[in-house]
Amino acid sequence: MSALVWWLIPLFACIGALIYVWWSVTAKNRQNTYKSIAEYENFRSAFNKKSAKQELLDLREREDREDREDRKP
């Protein structure tokens, strides 16, 4: 009986893995390649753009630097 259990455990694990693979493949929707690339480019461009807060900080830093240069004798 114990030998049967040791054969059934891998059998059920294999069947469970096959069911999971089948489910994961059928659950995914096929996407249009061009739409997917456009979404990726939009995602990448978000990292390249400076936020409004960062632009304000850069402007203040530039103004402070100019003020320090104006105060130099």
N, C-alpha and C. Protein backbone atom coordinates (compact mmCIF):
# COMPACT_ATOMS: atom_id res chain seq x y z
N MET A 1 0.82 -1.20 0.00
CA MET A 1 0.00 0.00 0.00
C MET A 1 0.86 1.26 0.00
N SER A 2 1.95 1.25 0.76
CA SER A 2 2.79 2.44 0.81
C SER A 2 3.48 2.68 -0.55
N ALA A 3 3.77 1.61 -1.30
CA ALA A 3 4.36 1.79 -2.62
C ALA A 3 3.37 2.48 -3.55
N LEU A 4 2.09 2.15 -3.41
CA LEU A 4 1.06 2.78 -4.22
C LEU A 4 1.00 4.28 -3.94
N VAL A 5 1.11 4.65 -2.66
CA VAL A 5 1.09 6.07 -2.29
C VAL A 5 2.28 6.78 -2.92
N TRP A 6 3.45 6.17 -2.90
CA TRP A 6 4.63 6.82 -3.48
C TRP A 6 4.54 6.93 -4.99
N TRP A 7 3.73 6.15 -5.63
CA TRP A 7 3.50 6.30 -7.06
C TRP A 7 2.41 7.33 -7.33
N LEU A 8 1.44 7.44 -6.43
CA LEU A 8 0.33 8.36 -6.65
C LEU A 8 0.72 9.82 -6.43
N ILE A 9 1.62 10.08 -5.48
CA ILE A 9 2.02 11.46 -5.20
C ILE A 9 2.63 12.13 -6.44
N PRO A 10 3.62 11.52 -7.10
CA PRO A 10 4.15 12.16 -8.31
C PRO A 10 3.14 12.20 -9.46
N LEU A 11 2.26 11.20 -9.51
CA LEU A 11 1.24 11.20 -10.56
C LEU A 11 0.30 12.39 -10.40
N PHE A 12 -0.18 12.61 -9.17
CA PHE A 12 -1.06 13.76 -8.93
C PHE A 12 -0.32 15.08 -9.11
N ALA A 13 0.95 15.14 -8.74
CA ALA A 13 1.74 16.35 -8.94
C ALA A 13 1.87 16.64 -10.43
N CYS A 14 2.11 15.63 -11.23
CA CYS A 14 2.25 15.81 -12.67
C CYS A 14 0.92 16.25 -13.29
N ILE A 15 -0.16 15.64 -12.87
CA ILE A 15 -1.48 16.03 -13.38
C ILE A 15 -1.80 17.47 -12.97
N GLY A 16 -1.49 17.83 -11.75
CA GLY A 16 -1.71 19.21 -11.31
C GLY A 16 -0.87 20.20 -12.10
N ALA A 17 0.38 19.85 -12.39
CA ALA A 17 1.23 20.73 -13.19
C ALA A 17 0.69 20.88 -14.59
N LEU A 18 0.21 19.81 -15.19
CA LEU A 18 -0.36 19.89 -16.54
C LEU A 18 -1.62 20.75 -16.57
N ILE A 19 -2.45 20.62 -15.54
CA ILE A 19 -3.66 21.46 -15.46
C ILE A 19 -3.27 22.92 -15.31
N TYR A 20 -2.27 23.21 -14.49
CA TYR A 20 -1.83 24.60 -14.30
C TYR A 20 -1.28 25.18 -15.61
N VAL A 21 -0.48 24.42 -16.32
CA VAL A 21 0.08 24.91 -17.59
C VAL A 21 -1.04 25.16 -18.59
N TRP A 22 -1.99 24.23 -18.69
CA TRP A 22 -3.11 24.41 -19.60
C TRP A 22 -3.91 25.66 -19.24
N TRP A 23 -4.16 25.87 -17.94
CA TRP A 23 -4.92 27.04 -17.50
C TRP A 23 -4.17 28.33 -17.78
N SER A 24 -2.86 28.36 -17.53
CA SER A 24 -2.09 29.59 -17.73
C SER A 24 -1.98 29.95 -19.20
N VAL A 25 -1.94 28.95 -20.07
CA VAL A 25 -1.84 29.24 -21.50
C VAL A 25 -3.18 29.73 -22.04
N THR A 26 -4.28 29.14 -21.61
CA THR A 26 -5.58 29.54 -22.13
C THR A 26 -6.08 30.82 -21.48
N ALA A 27 -5.60 31.17 -20.31
CA ALA A 27 -6.08 32.36 -19.61
C ALA A 27 -5.51 33.64 -20.21
N LYS A 28 -4.37 33.55 -20.88
CA LYS A 28 -3.75 34.75 -21.44
C LYS A 28 -4.46 35.14 -22.73
N ASN A 29 -4.74 36.43 -22.85
CA ASN A 29 -5.32 36.95 -24.08
C ASN A 29 -4.20 37.33 -25.02
N ARG A 30 -4.37 36.99 -26.26
CA ARG A 30 -3.39 37.41 -27.26
C ARG A 30 -3.56 38.90 -27.52
N GLN A 31 -2.43 39.62 -27.54
CA GLN A 31 -2.48 41.06 -27.74
C GLN A 31 -1.94 41.40 -29.12
N ASN A 32 -2.40 42.52 -29.61
CA ASN A 32 -1.87 43.04 -30.85
C ASN A 32 -0.43 43.49 -30.60
N THR A 33 0.49 43.08 -31.44
CA THR A 33 1.91 43.38 -31.22
C THR A 33 2.17 44.88 -31.23
N TYR A 34 1.56 45.59 -32.16
CA TYR A 34 1.79 47.03 -32.26
C TYR A 34 1.23 47.77 -31.05
N LYS A 35 0.08 47.32 -30.57
CA LYS A 35 -0.49 47.94 -29.37
C LYS A 35 0.40 47.67 -28.17
N SER A 36 0.93 46.47 -28.07
CA SER A 36 1.80 46.12 -26.97
C SER A 36 3.08 46.95 -26.99
N ILE A 37 3.65 47.14 -28.18
CA ILE A 37 4.87 47.95 -28.31
C ILE A 37 4.57 49.40 -27.95
N ALA A 38 3.43 49.91 -28.37
CA ALA A 38 3.07 51.29 -28.05
C ALA A 38 2.89 51.47 -26.54
N GLU A 39 2.28 50.49 -25.89
CA GLU A 39 2.13 50.58 -24.44
C GLU A 39 3.48 50.54 -23.74
N TYR A 40 4.40 49.74 -24.25
CA TYR A 40 5.74 49.67 -23.67
C TYR A 40 6.48 50.99 -23.86
N GLU A 41 6.38 51.59 -25.02
CA GLU A 41 7.02 52.88 -25.27
C GLU A 41 6.44 53.96 -24.36
N ASN A 42 5.15 53.92 -24.14
CA ASN A 42 4.51 54.87 -23.22
C ASN A 42 5.04 54.68 -21.81
N PHE A 43 5.20 53.43 -21.41
CA PHE A 43 5.74 53.12 -20.09
C PHE A 43 7.17 53.64 -19.96
N ARG A 44 8.00 53.41 -20.98
CA ARG A 44 9.39 53.87 -20.95
C ARG A 44 9.48 55.39 -20.92
N SER A 45 8.63 56.06 -21.68
CA SER A 45 8.69 57.52 -21.74
C SER A 45 8.32 58.14 -20.40
N ALA A 46 7.52 57.45 -19.61
CA ALA A 46 7.15 57.98 -18.29
C ALA A 46 8.38 58.11 -17.40
N PHE A 47 9.36 57.23 -17.56
CA PHE A 47 10.57 57.31 -16.76
C PHE A 47 11.51 58.39 -17.26
N ASN A 48 11.42 58.73 -18.53
CA ASN A 48 12.32 59.73 -19.10
C ASN A 48 11.85 61.15 -18.82
N LYS A 49 10.56 61.32 -18.59
CA LYS A 49 10.03 62.66 -18.33
C LYS A 49 10.34 63.05 -16.90
N LYS A 50 10.67 64.32 -16.72
CA LYS A 50 10.87 64.82 -15.36
C LYS A 50 9.52 65.21 -14.79
N SER A 51 9.34 64.96 -13.54
CA SER A 51 8.09 65.34 -12.89
C SER A 51 8.09 66.85 -12.67
N ALA A 52 6.93 67.39 -12.45
CA ALA A 52 6.80 68.84 -12.20
C ALA A 52 7.56 69.22 -10.93
N LYS A 53 7.53 68.34 -9.94
CA LYS A 53 8.24 68.61 -8.69
C LYS A 53 9.75 68.68 -8.93
N GLN A 54 10.26 67.75 -9.73
CA GLN A 54 11.70 67.74 -10.02
C GLN A 54 12.09 68.98 -10.82
N GLU A 55 11.23 69.40 -11.76
CA GLU A 55 11.52 70.61 -12.53
C GLU A 55 11.56 71.83 -11.61
N LEU A 56 10.67 71.90 -10.62
CA LEU A 56 10.67 73.00 -9.66
C LEU A 56 11.96 73.00 -8.84
N LEU A 57 12.37 71.82 -8.40
CA LEU A 57 13.61 71.72 -7.62
C LEU A 57 14.81 72.15 -8.46
N ASP A 58 14.84 71.75 -9.73
CA ASP A 58 15.94 72.16 -10.61
C ASP A 58 15.94 73.66 -10.82
N LEU A 59 14.76 74.25 -10.96
CA LEU A 59 14.65 75.70 -11.15
C LEU A 59 15.15 76.43 -9.91
N ARG A 60 14.75 75.97 -8.73
CA ARG A 60 15.20 76.61 -7.48
C ARG A 60 16.71 76.48 -7.32
N GLU A 61 17.23 75.32 -7.66
CA GLU A 61 18.68 75.11 -7.54
C GLU A 61 19.43 76.05 -8.49
N ARG A 62 18.92 76.20 -9.70
CA ARG A 62 19.55 77.09 -10.66
C ARG A 62 19.49 78.54 -10.18
N GLU A 63 18.33 78.95 -9.61
CA GLU A 63 18.20 80.32 -9.10
C GLU A 63 19.14 80.55 -7.92
N ASP A 64 19.25 79.56 -7.04
CA ASP A 64 20.17 79.69 -5.91
C ASP A 64 21.61 79.83 -6.39
N ARG A 65 21.98 79.05 -7.38
CA ARG A 65 23.33 79.12 -7.92
C ARG A 65 23.61 80.49 -8.54
N GLU A 66 22.62 81.02 -9.27
CA GLU A 66 22.78 82.35 -9.86
C GLU A 66 22.89 83.42 -8.78
N ASP A 67 22.10 83.28 -7.70
CA ASP A 67 22.15 84.25 -6.61
C ASP A 67 23.54 84.23 -5.95
N ARG A 68 24.08 83.03 -5.75
CA ARG A 68 25.41 82.93 -5.15
C ARG A 68 26.48 83.54 -6.06
N GLU A 69 26.31 83.34 -7.36
CA GLU A 69 27.29 83.92 -8.29
C GLU A 69 27.19 85.43 -8.32
N ASP A 70 25.97 85.98 -8.17
CA ASP A 70 25.79 87.44 -8.17
C ASP A 70 26.38 88.06 -6.92
N ARG A 71 26.38 87.35 -5.80
CA ARG A 71 26.90 87.87 -4.54
C ARG A 71 28.42 87.84 -4.47
N LYS A 72 29.05 87.08 -5.33
CA LYS A 72 30.51 87.01 -5.29
C LYS A 72 31.10 88.36 -5.64
N PRO A 73 32.17 88.77 -4.91
CA PRO A 73 32.77 90.09 -5.20
C PRO A 73 33.56 90.11 -6.48
